[in-house]
Amino acid sequence: MPAFPSKPFRPSSYQGSIPARYRSALSKHPFALFGLPFIATMVLGSFFLTPATALRYERHDRKVRQMTEDERLGIGKDKRKVDMKEEYYKLAAKDLDNWEQKRVKRLPGEHDGVL
């Protein structure tokens, strides 16, 4: 005798109930009663979740965005405005060939690195 009977137990009140009618109809039309509602749920869920996903990415884009050149140069509001051409010509006006290397004064007791 097998451990589990092949015929499941169903009470006598089960015969005319909605689950019994659904089970018998499901064996005749499986796609119409199981596959179609499942696919419809997936498609409708996709349409309902699209605005929520778009809102999430818009909120993320507001936080993380690309900085313009002016914003990068003037991150601090109290700093002076930097003009690249002005900085270039100011550096070009200096005599870069004539310079002298000077050692930085060390604090008392600090090793100066001289052997």
PDB file of N, CA and C in Angstrom:
ATOM      1  N   MET A   1       0.849  -1.181   0.000  1.00  0.00           N
ATOM      2  CA  MET A   1       0.000   0.000   0.000  1.00  0.00           C
ATOM      3  C   MET A   1       0.891   1.239   0.000  1.00  0.00           C
ATOM      4  N   PRO A   2       0.625   2.204  -0.927  1.00  0.00           N
ATOM      5  CA  PRO A   2       1.444   3.409  -0.990  1.00  0.00           C
ATOM      6  C   PRO A   2       1.234   4.280   0.245  1.00  0.00           C
ATOM      7  N   ALA A   3       2.247   5.106   0.525  1.00  0.00           N
ATOM      8  CA  ALA A   3       2.201   5.972   1.705  1.00  0.00           C
ATOM      9  C   ALA A   3       1.118   7.040   1.562  1.00  0.00           C
ATOM     10  N   PHE A   4       0.975   7.577   0.360  1.00  0.00           N
ATOM     11  CA  PHE A   4      -0.039   8.608   0.145  1.00  0.00           C
ATOM     12  C   PHE A   4      -1.036   8.107  -0.895  1.00  0.00           C
ATOM     13  N   PRO A   5      -2.310   8.213  -0.596  1.00  0.00           N
ATOM     14  CA  PRO A   5      -3.300   7.763  -1.580  1.00  0.00           C
ATOM     15  C   PRO A   5      -3.322   8.707  -2.783  1.00  0.00           C
ATOM     16  N   SER A   6      -3.631   8.169  -3.958  1.00  0.00           N
ATOM     17  CA  SER A   6      -3.647   8.981  -5.162  1.00  0.00           C
ATOM     18  C   SER A   6      -4.881   9.870  -5.233  1.00  0.00           C
ATOM     19  N   LYS A   7      -5.887   9.562  -4.458  1.00  0.00           N
ATOM     20  CA  LYS A   7      -7.107  10.353  -4.461  1.00  0.00           C
ATOM     21  C   LYS A   7      -7.147  11.182  -3.171  1.00  0.00           C
ATOM     22  N   PRO A   8      -7.013  12.516  -3.265  1.00  0.00           N
ATOM     23  CA  PRO A   8      -7.014  13.337  -2.055  1.00  0.00           C
ATOM     24  C   PRO A   8      -8.386  13.363  -1.392  1.00  0.00           C
ATOM     25  N   PHE A   9      -8.366  13.567  -0.078  1.00  0.00           N
ATOM     26  CA  PHE A   9      -9.612  13.625   0.676  1.00  0.00           C
ATOM     27  C   PHE A   9     -10.264  14.982   0.488  1.00  0.00           C
ATOM     28  N   ARG A  10     -11.556  14.954   0.139  1.00  0.00           N
ATOM     29  CA  ARG A  10     -12.327  16.186   0.041  1.00  0.00           C
ATOM     30  C   ARG A  10     -13.650  15.944   0.750  1.00  0.00           C
ATOM     31  N   PRO A  11     -14.030  16.847   1.639  1.00  0.00           N
ATOM     32  CA  PRO A  11     -15.299  16.655   2.360  1.00  0.00           C
ATOM     33  C   PRO A  11     -16.497  16.740   1.410  1.00  0.00           C
ATOM     34  N   SER A  12     -17.633  16.286   1.875  1.00  0.00           N
ATOM     35  CA  SER A  12     -18.829  16.280   1.023  1.00  0.00           C
ATOM     36  C   SER A  12     -19.318  17.692   0.704  1.00  0.00           C
ATOM     37  N   SER A  13     -18.994  18.668   1.533  1.00  0.00           N
ATOM     38  CA  SER A  13     -19.412  20.050   1.272  1.00  0.00           C
ATOM     39  C   SER A  13     -18.579  20.686   0.159  1.00  0.00           C
ATOM     40  N   TYR A  14     -17.502  20.054  -0.245  1.00  0.00           N
ATOM     41  CA  TYR A  14     -16.608  20.599  -1.256  1.00  0.00           C
ATOM     42  C   TYR A  14     -17.193  20.500  -2.664  1.00  0.00           C
ATOM     43  N   GLN A  15     -18.044  19.576  -2.912  1.00  0.00           N
ATOM     44  CA  GLN A  15     -18.526  19.273  -4.260  1.00  0.00           C
ATOM     45  C   GLN A  15     -19.157  20.459  -4.980  1.00  0.00           C
ATOM     46  N   GLY A  16     -19.985  21.229  -4.361  1.00  0.00           N
ATOM     47  CA  GLY A  16     -20.688  22.314  -5.056  1.00  0.00           C
ATOM     48  C   GLY A  16     -20.046  23.672  -4.822  1.00  0.00           C
ATOM     49  N   SER A  17     -18.906  23.720  -4.168  1.00  0.00           N
ATOM     50  CA  SER A  17     -18.314  25.016  -3.816  1.00  0.00           C
ATOM     51  C   SER A  17     -17.587  25.647  -5.016  1.00  0.00           C
ATOM     52  N   ILE A  18     -17.242  26.894  -4.852  1.00  0.00           N
ATOM     53  CA  ILE A  18     -16.559  27.652  -5.911  1.00  0.00           C
ATOM     54  C   ILE A  18     -15.182  27.042  -6.224  1.00  0.00           C
ATOM     55  N   PRO A  19     -14.373  26.664  -5.226  1.00  0.00           N
ATOM     56  CA  PRO A  19     -13.083  26.051  -5.559  1.00  0.00           C
ATOM     57  C   PRO A  19     -13.228  24.754  -6.366  1.00  0.00           C
ATOM     58  N   ALA A  20     -14.254  23.973  -6.088  1.00  0.00           N
ATOM     59  CA  ALA A  20     -14.449  22.724  -6.830  1.00  0.00           C
ATOM     60  C   ALA A  20     -14.806  23.013  -8.282  1.00  0.00           C
ATOM     61  N   ARG A  21     -15.661  23.997  -8.496  1.00  0.00           N
ATOM     62  CA  ARG A  21     -16.025  24.359  -9.866  1.00  0.00           C
ATOM     63  C   ARG A  21     -14.823  24.947 -10.617  1.00  0.00           C
ATOM     64  N   TYR A  22     -14.018  25.754  -9.916  1.00  0.00           N
ATOM     65  CA  TYR A  22     -12.820  26.347 -10.537  1.00  0.00           C
ATOM     66  C   TYR A  22     -11.830  25.245 -10.911  1.00  0.00           C
ATOM     67  N   ARG A  23     -11.624  24.269 -10.021  1.00  0.00           N
ATOM     68  CA  ARG A  23     -10.680  23.185 -10.286  1.00  0.00           C
ATOM     69  C   ARG A  23     -11.095  22.361 -11.507  1.00  0.00           C
ATOM     70  N   SER A  24     -12.374  22.091 -11.622  1.00  0.00           N
ATOM     71  CA  SER A  24     -12.825  21.308 -12.781  1.00  0.00           C
ATOM     72  C   SER A  24     -12.741  22.128 -14.068  1.00  0.00           C
ATOM     73  N   ALA A  25     -13.033  23.424 -13.998  1.00  0.00           N
ATOM     74  CA  ALA A  25     -12.934  24.280 -15.180  1.00  0.00           C
ATOM     75  C   ALA A  25     -11.472  24.515 -15.561  1.00  0.00           C
ATOM     76  N   LEU A  26     -10.580  24.543 -14.563  1.00  0.00           N
ATOM     77  CA  LEU A  26      -9.160  24.755 -14.814  1.00  0.00           C
ATOM     78  C   LEU A  26      -8.560  23.606 -15.608  1.00  0.00           C
ATOM     79  N   SER A  27      -9.016  22.406 -15.340  1.00  0.00           N
ATOM     80  CA  SER A  27      -8.497  21.267 -16.101  1.00  0.00           C
ATOM     81  C   SER A  27      -8.948  21.315 -17.564  1.00  0.00           C
ATOM     82  N   LYS A  28     -10.089  21.965 -17.853  1.00  0.00           N
ATOM     83  CA  LYS A  28     -10.574  22.070 -19.228  1.00  0.00           C
ATOM     84  C   LYS A  28      -9.954  23.252 -19.979  1.00  0.00           C
ATOM     85  N   HIS A  29      -9.775  24.417 -19.277  1.00  0.00           N
ATOM     86  CA  HIS A  29      -9.264  25.649 -19.902  1.00  0.00           C
ATOM     87  C   HIS A  29      -8.126  26.215 -19.045  1.00  0.00           C
ATOM     88  N   PRO A  30      -6.953  25.633 -19.047  1.00  0.00           N
ATOM     89  CA  PRO A  30      -5.885  26.091 -18.155  1.00  0.00           C
ATOM     90  C   PRO A  30      -5.359  27.495 -18.479  1.00  0.00           C
ATOM     91  N   PHE A  31      -5.208  27.828 -19.769  1.00  0.00           N
ATOM     92  CA  PHE A  31      -4.675  29.153 -20.096  1.00  0.00           C
ATOM     93  C   PHE A  31      -5.647  30.259 -19.737  1.00  0.00           C
ATOM     94  N   ALA A  32      -6.924  30.062 -20.016  1.00  0.00           N
ATOM     95  CA  ALA A  32      -7.923  31.105 -19.766  1.00  0.00           C
ATOM     96  C   ALA A  32      -8.098  31.376 -18.277  1.00  0.00           C
ATOM     97  N   LEU A  33      -7.970  30.355 -17.450  1.00  0.00           N
ATOM     98  CA  LEU A  33      -8.233  30.542 -16.023  1.00  0.00           C
ATOM     99  C   LEU A  33      -6.975  30.715 -15.184  1.00  0.00           C
ATOM    100  N   PHE A  34      -5.800  30.403 -15.727  1.00  0.00           N
ATOM    101  CA  PHE A  34      -4.570  30.598 -14.949  1.00  0.00           C
ATOM    102  C   PHE A  34      -3.566  31.478 -15.687  1.00  0.00           C
ATOM    103  N   GLY A  35      -3.257  31.164 -16.923  1.00  0.00           N
ATOM    104  CA  GLY A  35      -2.224  31.883 -17.674  1.00  0.00           C
ATOM    105  C   GLY A  35      -2.594  33.316 -17.995  1.00  0.00           C
ATOM    106  N   LEU A  36      -3.810  33.527 -18.474  1.00  0.00           N
ATOM    107  CA  LEU A  36      -4.247  34.873 -18.844  1.00  0.00           C
ATOM    108  C   LEU A  36      -4.296  35.825 -17.644  1.00  0.00           C
ATOM    109  N   PRO A  37      -4.873  35.430 -16.490  1.00  0.00           N
ATOM    110  CA  PRO A  37      -4.824  36.341 -15.339  1.00  0.00           C
ATOM    111  C   PRO A  37      -3.393  36.629 -14.860  1.00  0.00           C
ATOM    112  N   PHE A  38      -2.520  35.617 -14.950  1.00  0.00           N
ATOM    113  CA  PHE A  38      -1.134  35.826 -14.536  1.00  0.00           C
ATOM    114  C   PHE A  38      -0.437  36.843 -15.439  1.00  0.00           C
ATOM    115  N   ILE A  39      -0.580  36.694 -16.741  1.00  0.00           N
ATOM    116  CA  ILE A  39       0.043  37.630 -17.684  1.00  0.00           C
ATOM    117  C   ILE A  39      -0.556  39.022 -17.532  1.00  0.00           C
ATOM    118  N   ALA A  40      -1.873  39.098 -17.338  1.00  0.00           N
ATOM    119  CA  ALA A  40      -2.516  40.406 -17.151  1.00  0.00           C
ATOM    120  C   ALA A  40      -1.995  41.095 -15.886  1.00  0.00           C
ATOM    121  N   THR A  41      -1.781  40.334 -14.827  1.00  0.00           N
ATOM    122  CA  THR A  41      -1.236  40.903 -13.591  1.00  0.00           C
ATOM    123  C   THR A  41       0.161  41.466 -13.820  1.00  0.00           C
ATOM    124  N   MET A  42       0.996  40.747 -14.549  1.00  0.00           N
ATOM    125  CA  MET A  42       2.360  41.212 -14.829  1.00  0.00           C
ATOM    126  C   MET A  42       2.349  42.491 -15.665  1.00  0.00           C
ATOM    127  N   VAL A  43       1.512  42.533 -16.698  1.00  0.00           N
ATOM    128  CA  VAL A  43       1.464  43.709 -17.581  1.00  0.00           C
ATOM    129  C   VAL A  43       0.920  44.920 -16.834  1.00  0.00           C
ATOM    130  N   LEU A  44      -0.164  44.752 -16.106  1.00  0.00           N
ATOM    131  CA  LEU A  44      -0.733  45.878 -15.354  1.00  0.00           C
ATOM    132  C   LEU A  44       0.210  46.339 -14.252  1.00  0.00           C
ATOM    133  N   GLY A  45       0.886  45.404 -13.603  1.00  0.00           N
ATOM    134  CA  GLY A  45       1.873  45.778 -12.591  1.00  0.00           C
ATOM    135  C   GLY A  45       2.994  46.605 -13.180  1.00  0.00           C
ATOM    136  N   SER A  46       3.404  46.265 -14.382  1.00  0.00           N
ATOM    137  CA  SER A  46       4.443  47.036 -15.059  1.00  0.00           C
ATOM    138  C   SER A  46       3.975  48.465 -15.310  1.00  0.00           C
ATOM    139  N   PHE A  47       2.734  48.625 -15.771  1.00  0.00           N
ATOM    140  CA  PHE A  47       2.215  49.972 -16.023  1.00  0.00           C
ATOM    141  C   PHE A  47       2.051  50.779 -14.743  1.00  0.00           C
ATOM    142  N   PHE A  48       1.681  50.129 -13.653  1.00  0.00           N
ATOM    143  CA  PHE A  48       1.514  50.856 -12.397  1.00  0.00           C
ATOM    144  C   PHE A  48       2.847  51.203 -11.745  1.00  0.00           C
ATOM    145  N   LEU A  49       3.884  50.400 -11.964  1.00  0.00           N
ATOM    146  CA  LEU A  49       5.178  50.659 -11.338  1.00  0.00           C
ATOM    147  C   LEU A  49       6.075  51.597 -12.141  1.00  0.00           C
ATOM    148  N   THR A  50       5.751  51.847 -13.398  1.00  0.00           N
ATOM    149  CA  THR A  50       6.571  52.731 -14.217  1.00  0.00           C
ATOM    150  C   THR A  50       6.674  54.147 -13.642  1.00  0.00           C
ATOM    151  N   PRO A  51       5.589  54.808 -13.225  1.00  0.00           N
ATOM    152  CA  PRO A  51       5.737  56.156 -12.644  1.00  0.00           C
ATOM    153  C   PRO A  51       6.548  56.165 -11.357  1.00  0.00           C
ATOM    154  N   ALA A  52       6.414  55.126 -10.548  1.00  0.00           N
ATOM    155  CA  ALA A  52       7.187  55.078  -9.302  1.00  0.00           C
ATOM    156  C   ALA A  52       8.676  54.965  -9.603  1.00  0.00           C
ATOM    157  N   THR A  53       9.029  54.173 -10.592  1.00  0.00           N
ATOM    158  CA  THR A  53      10.434  54.028 -10.974  1.00  0.00           C
ATOM    159  C   THR A  53      10.961  55.326 -11.565  1.00  0.00           C
ATOM    160  N   ALA A  54      10.170  55.985 -12.383  1.00  0.00           N
ATOM    161  CA  ALA A  54      10.595  57.261 -12.969  1.00  0.00           C
ATOM    162  C   ALA A  54      10.818  58.303 -11.884  1.00  0.00           C
ATOM    163  N   LEU A  55       9.961  58.330 -10.887  1.00  0.00           N
ATOM    164  CA  LEU A  55      10.116  59.268  -9.779  1.00  0.00           C
ATOM    165  C   LEU A  55      11.405  59.001  -9.025  1.00  0.00           C
ATOM    166  N   ARG A  56      11.737  57.737  -8.839  1.00  0.00           N
ATOM    167  CA  ARG A  56      12.963  57.372  -8.132  1.00  0.00           C
ATOM    168  C   ARG A  56      14.194  57.889  -8.881  1.00  0.00           C
ATOM    169  N   TYR A  57      14.233  57.681 -10.199  1.00  0.00           N
ATOM    170  CA  TYR A  57      15.393  58.122 -10.969  1.00  0.00           C
ATOM    171  C   TYR A  57      15.454  59.645 -11.091  1.00  0.00           C
ATOM    172  N   GLU A  58      14.319  60.315 -11.169  1.00  0.00           N
ATOM    173  CA  GLU A  58      14.325  61.782 -11.200  1.00  0.00           C
ATOM    174  C   GLU A  58      14.864  62.350  -9.897  1.00  0.00           C
ATOM    175  N   ARG A  59      14.484  61.769  -8.795  1.00  0.00           N
ATOM    176  CA  ARG A  59      14.980  62.217  -7.493  1.00  0.00           C
ATOM    177  C   ARG A  59      16.483  61.995  -7.392  1.00  0.00           C
ATOM    178  N   HIS A  60      16.958  60.872  -7.909  1.00  0.00           N
ATOM    179  CA  HIS A  60      18.401  60.590  -7.905  1.00  0.00           C
ATOM    180  C   HIS A  60      19.141  61.581  -8.794  1.00  0.00           C
ATOM    181  N   ASP A  61      18.572  61.926  -9.956  1.00  0.00           N
ATOM    182  CA  ASP A  61      19.213  62.871 -10.859  1.00  0.00           C
ATOM    183  C   ASP A  61      19.276  64.269 -10.267  1.00  0.00           C
ATOM    184  N   ARG A  62      18.309  64.633  -9.454  1.00  0.00           N
ATOM    185  CA  ARG A  62      18.362  65.937  -8.798  1.00  0.00           C
ATOM    186  C   ARG A  62      19.518  66.012  -7.820  1.00  0.00           C
ATOM    187  N   LYS A  63      19.799  64.898  -7.126  1.00  0.00           N
ATOM    188  CA  LYS A  63      20.900  64.881  -6.162  1.00  0.00           C
ATOM    189  C   LYS A  63      22.255  64.861  -6.855  1.00  0.00           C
ATOM    190  N   VAL A  64      22.398  64.012  -7.860  1.00  0.00           N
ATOM    191  CA  VAL A  64      23.675  63.823  -8.541  1.00  0.00           C
ATOM    192  C   VAL A  64      23.541  64.376  -9.951  1.00  0.00           C
ATOM    193  N   ARG A  65      24.213  65.473 -10.219  1.00  0.00           N
ATOM    194  CA  ARG A  65      24.163  66.044 -11.547  1.00  0.00           C
ATOM    195  C   ARG A  65      25.555  66.539 -11.917  1.00  0.00           C
ATOM    196  N   GLN A  66      25.770  66.764 -13.191  1.00  0.00           N
ATOM    197  CA  GLN A  66      27.076  67.183 -13.660  1.00  0.00           C
ATOM    198  C   GLN A  66      27.253  68.673 -13.392  1.00  0.00           C
ATOM    199  N   MET A  67      28.438  69.044 -12.916  1.00  0.00           N
ATOM    200  CA  MET A  67      28.731  70.445 -12.630  1.00  0.00           C
ATOM    201  C   MET A  67      29.239  71.143 -13.887  1.00  0.00           C
ATOM    202  N   THR A  68      28.895  72.414 -14.030  1.00  0.00           N
ATOM    203  CA  THR A  68      29.412  73.185 -15.147  1.00  0.00           C
ATOM    204  C   THR A  68      30.815  73.679 -14.803  1.00  0.00           C
ATOM    205  N   GLU A  69      31.498  74.239 -15.780  1.00  0.00           N
ATOM    206  CA  GLU A  69      32.865  74.738 -15.571  1.00  0.00           C
ATOM    207  C   GLU A  69      32.886  75.847 -14.520  1.00  0.00           C
ATOM    208  N   ASP A  70      31.899  76.747 -14.569  1.00  0.00           N
ATOM    209  CA  ASP A  70      31.855  77.844 -13.602  1.00  0.00           C
ATOM    210  C   ASP A  70      31.617  77.333 -12.183  1.00  0.00           C
ATOM    211  N   GLU A  71      30.745  76.335 -12.044  1.00  0.00           N
ATOM    212  CA  GLU A  71      30.493  75.795 -10.711  1.00  0.00           C
ATOM    213  C   GLU A  71      31.727  75.100 -10.162  1.00  0.00           C
ATOM    214  N   ARG A  72      32.489  74.428 -11.043  1.00  0.00           N
ATOM    215  CA  ARG A  72      33.689  73.736 -10.599  1.00  0.00           C
ATOM    216  C   ARG A  72      34.754  74.726 -10.133  1.00  0.00           C
ATOM    217  N   LEU A  73      34.892  75.833 -10.847  1.00  0.00           N
ATOM    218  CA  LEU A  73      35.923  76.805 -10.488  1.00  0.00           C
ATOM    219  C   LEU A  73      35.541  77.618  -9.261  1.00  0.00           C
ATOM    220  N   GLY A  74      34.286  77.883  -9.084  1.00  0.00           N
ATOM    221  CA  GLY A  74      33.860  78.708  -7.955  1.00  0.00           C
ATOM    222  C   GLY A  74      33.014  77.939  -6.974  1.00  0.00           C
ATOM    223  N   ILE A  75      33.536  76.851  -6.441  1.00  0.00           N
ATOM    224  CA  ILE A  75      32.750  76.029  -5.515  1.00  0.00           C
ATOM    225  C   ILE A  75      32.407  76.826  -4.265  1.00  0.00           C
ATOM    226  N   GLY A  76      33.386  77.555  -3.724  1.00  0.00           N
ATOM    227  CA  GLY A  76      33.105  78.405  -2.562  1.00  0.00           C
ATOM    228  C   GLY A  76      32.480  79.709  -3.013  1.00  0.00           C
ATOM    229  N   LYS A  77      31.423  80.126  -2.384  1.00  0.00           N
ATOM    230  CA  LYS A  77      30.711  81.339  -2.821  1.00  0.00           C
ATOM    231  C   LYS A  77      31.493  82.611  -2.489  1.00  0.00           C
ATOM    232  N   ASP A  78      32.306  82.582  -1.423  1.00  0.00           N
ATOM    233  CA  ASP A  78      33.019  83.782  -0.998  1.00  0.00           C
ATOM    234  C   ASP A  78      34.359  83.953  -1.714  1.00  0.00           C
ATOM    235  N   LYS A  79      34.736  83.008  -2.567  1.00  0.00           N
ATOM    236  CA  LYS A  79      36.009  83.099  -3.267  1.00  0.00           C
ATOM    237  C   LYS A  79      35.869  83.995  -4.493  1.00  0.00           C
ATOM    238  N   ARG A  80      37.030  84.484  -4.938  1.00  0.00           N
ATOM    239  CA  ARG A  80      37.008  85.371  -6.102  1.00  0.00           C
ATOM    240  C   ARG A  80      36.724  84.581  -7.368  1.00  0.00           C
ATOM    241  N   LYS A  81      36.227  85.246  -8.363  1.00  0.00           N
ATOM    242  CA  LYS A  81      35.934  84.631  -9.650  1.00  0.00           C
ATOM    243  C   LYS A  81      37.255  84.364 -10.376  1.00  0.00           C
ATOM    244  N   VAL A  82      37.434  83.166 -10.881  1.00  0.00           N
ATOM    245  CA  VAL A  82      38.677  82.787 -11.543  1.00  0.00           C
ATOM    246  C   VAL A  82      38.457  82.831 -13.053  1.00  0.00           C
ATOM    247  N   ASP A  83      39.359  83.541 -13.717  1.00  0.00           N
ATOM    248  CA  ASP A  83      39.329  83.600 -15.171  1.00  0.00           C
ATOM    249  C   ASP A  83      40.601  82.914 -15.674  1.00  0.00           C
ATOM    250  N   MET A  84      40.441  81.886 -16.503  1.00  0.00           N
ATOM    251  CA  MET A  84      41.585  81.091 -16.936  1.00  0.00           C
ATOM    252  C   MET A  84      42.573  81.917 -17.770  1.00  0.00           C
ATOM    253  N   LYS A  85      42.093  82.810 -18.618  1.00  0.00           N
ATOM    254  CA  LYS A  85      42.992  83.624 -19.435  1.00  0.00           C
ATOM    255  C   LYS A  85      43.807  84.573 -18.564  1.00  0.00           C
ATOM    256  N   GLU A  86      43.155  85.174 -17.586  1.00  0.00           N
ATOM    257  CA  GLU A  86      43.853  86.089 -16.686  1.00  0.00           C
ATOM    258  C   GLU A  86      44.945  85.359 -15.914  1.00  0.00           C
ATOM    259  N   GLU A  87      44.645  84.148 -15.428  1.00  0.00           N
ATOM    260  CA  GLU A  87      45.644  83.366 -14.693  1.00  0.00           C
ATOM    261  C   GLU A  87      46.810  82.985 -15.604  1.00  0.00           C
ATOM    262  N   TYR A  88      46.516  82.648 -16.848  1.00  0.00           N
ATOM    263  CA  TYR A  88      47.570  82.270 -17.791  1.00  0.00           C
ATOM    264  C   TYR A  88      48.512  83.441 -18.049  1.00  0.00           C
ATOM    265  N   TYR A  89      47.952  84.629 -18.331  1.00  0.00           N
ATOM    266  CA  TYR A  89      48.804  85.785 -18.639  1.00  0.00           C
ATOM    267  C   TYR A  89      49.542  86.288 -17.416  1.00  0.00           C
ATOM    268  N   LYS A  90      48.968  86.110 -16.231  1.00  0.00           N
ATOM    269  CA  LYS A  90      49.660  86.491 -15.001  1.00  0.00           C
ATOM    270  C   LYS A  90      50.878  85.596 -14.787  1.00  0.00           C
ATOM    271  N   LEU A  91      50.748  84.310 -15.081  1.00  0.00           N
ATOM    272  CA  LEU A  91      51.850  83.374 -14.951  1.00  0.00           C
ATOM    273  C   LEU A  91      52.889  83.596 -16.045  1.00  0.00           C
ATOM    274  N   ALA A  92      52.439  83.935 -17.241  1.00  0.00           N
ATOM    275  CA  ALA A  92      53.360  84.180 -18.340  1.00  0.00           C
ATOM    276  C   ALA A  92      54.167  85.454 -18.115  1.00  0.00           C
ATOM    277  N   ALA A  93      53.657  86.410 -17.373  1.00  0.00           N
ATOM    278  CA  ALA A  93      54.350  87.668 -17.111  1.00  0.00           C
ATOM    279  C   ALA A  93      55.506  87.478 -16.141  1.00  0.00           C
ATOM    280  N   LYS A  94      55.470  86.424 -15.329  1.00  0.00           N
ATOM    281  CA  LYS A  94      56.551  86.183 -14.382  1.00  0.00           C
ATOM    282  C   LYS A  94      57.784  85.654 -15.119  1.00  0.00           C
ATOM    283  N   ASP A  95      58.933  85.957 -14.566  1.00  0.00           N
ATOM    284  CA  ASP A  95      60.174  85.451 -15.139  1.00  0.00           C
ATOM    285  C   ASP A  95      60.454  84.091 -14.505  1.00  0.00           C
ATOM    286  N   LEU A  96      60.145  83.030 -15.202  1.00  0.00           N
ATOM    287  CA  LEU A  96      60.252  81.688 -14.644  1.00  0.00           C
ATOM    288  C   LEU A  96      61.652  81.094 -14.780  1.00  0.00           C
ATOM    289  N   ASP A  97      62.529  81.767 -15.530  1.00  0.00           N
ATOM    290  CA  ASP A  97      63.870  81.229 -15.704  1.00  0.00           C
ATOM    291  C   ASP A  97      64.810  81.619 -14.566  1.00  0.00           C
ATOM    292  N   ASN A  98      64.559  82.735 -13.934  1.00  0.00           N
ATOM    293  CA  ASN A  98      65.438  83.210 -12.853  1.00  0.00           C
ATOM    294  C   ASN A  98      64.751  82.984 -11.516  1.00  0.00           C
ATOM    295  N   TRP A  99      65.125  81.930 -10.849  1.00  0.00           N
ATOM    296  CA  TRP A  99      64.564  81.655  -9.542  1.00  0.00           C
ATOM    297  C   TRP A  99      65.638  81.001  -8.691  1.00  0.00           C
ATOM    298  N   GLU A 100      65.420  81.052  -7.386  1.00  0.00           N
ATOM    299  CA  GLU A 100      66.396  80.516  -6.444  1.00  0.00           C
ATOM    300  C   GLU A 100      65.675  79.578  -5.484  1.00  0.00           C
ATOM    301  N   GLN A 101      66.287  78.415  -5.265  1.00  0.00           N
ATOM    302  CA  GLN A 101      65.675  77.456  -4.348  1.00  0.00           C
ATOM    303  C   GLN A 101      66.045  77.826  -2.921  1.00  0.00           C
ATOM    304  N   LYS A 102      65.043  77.905  -2.032  1.00  0.00           N
ATOM    305  CA  LYS A 102      65.284  78.272  -0.639  1.00  0.00           C
ATOM    306  C   LYS A 102      64.744  77.165   0.252  1.00  0.00           C
ATOM    307  N   ARG A 103      65.486  76.855   1.298  1.00  0.00           N
ATOM    308  CA  ARG A 103      65.044  75.843   2.249  1.00  0.00           C
ATOM    309  C   ARG A 103      64.040  76.456   3.212  1.00  0.00           C
ATOM    310  N   VAL A 104      63.081  75.673   3.611  1.00  0.00           N
ATOM    311  CA  VAL A 104      62.074  76.118   4.559  1.00  0.00           C
ATOM    312  C   VAL A 104      62.677  76.048   5.954  1.00  0.00           C
ATOM    313  N   LYS A 105      62.452  77.076   6.763  1.00  0.00           N
ATOM    314  CA  LYS A 105      62.943  77.080   8.137  1.00  0.00           C
ATOM    315  C   LYS A 105      62.263  75.971   8.916  1.00  0.00           C
ATOM    316  N   ARG A 106      63.020  75.193   9.661  1.00  0.00           N
ATOM    317  CA  ARG A 106      62.519  74.097  10.474  1.00  0.00           C
ATOM    318  C   ARG A 106      62.232  74.578  11.875  1.00  0.00           C
ATOM    319  N   LEU A 107      61.326  73.893  12.546  1.00  0.00           N
ATOM    320  CA  LEU A 107      61.072  74.205  13.944  1.00  0.00           C
ATOM    321  C   LEU A 107      62.240  73.734  14.803  1.00  0.00           C
ATOM    322  N   PRO A 108      62.430  74.343  15.977  1.00  0.00           N
ATOM    323  CA  PRO A 108      63.542  73.915  16.820  1.00  0.00           C
ATOM    324  C   PRO A 108      63.389  72.447  17.217  1.00  0.00           C
ATOM    325  N   GLY A 109      64.457  71.663  17.062  1.00  0.00           N
ATOM    326  CA  GLY A 109      64.440  70.255  17.411  1.00  0.00           C
ATOM    327  C   GLY A 109      63.953  69.350  16.297  1.00  0.00           C
ATOM    328  N   GLU A 110      63.466  69.913  15.202  1.00  0.00           N
ATOM    329  CA  GLU A 110      62.957  69.097  14.077  1.00  0.00           C
ATOM    330  C   GLU A 110      64.133  68.726  13.187  1.00  0.00           C
ATOM    331  N   HIS A 111      64.158  67.499  12.695  1.00  0.00           N
ATOM    332  CA  HIS A 111      65.226  67.024  11.824  1.00  0.00           C
ATOM    333  C   HIS A 111      65.113  67.740  10.479  1.00  0.00           C
ATOM    334  N   ASP A 112      66.222  68.295  10.012  1.00  0.00           N
ATOM    335  CA  ASP A 112      66.172  69.065   8.766  1.00  0.00           C
ATOM    336  C   ASP A 112      66.541  68.254   7.534  1.00  0.00           C
ATOM    337  N   GLY A 113      66.975  66.994   7.691  1.00  0.00           N
ATOM    338  CA  GLY A 113      67.238  66.159   6.548  1.00  0.00           C
ATOM    339  C   GLY A 113      68.626  66.328   5.950  1.00  0.00           C
ATOM    340  N   VAL A 114      69.479  67.180   6.535  1.00  0.00           N
ATOM    341  CA  VAL A 114      70.826  67.382   6.040  1.00  0.00           C
ATOM    342  C   VAL A 114      71.748  66.374   6.731  1.00  0.00           C
ATOM    343  N   LEU A 115      72.595  65.688   5.962  1.00  0.00           N
ATOM    344  CA  LEU A 115      73.508  64.702   6.541  1.00  0.00           C
ATOM    345  C   LEU A 115      74.778  65.330   7.032  1.00  0.00           C
TER     346      LEU A 115
END
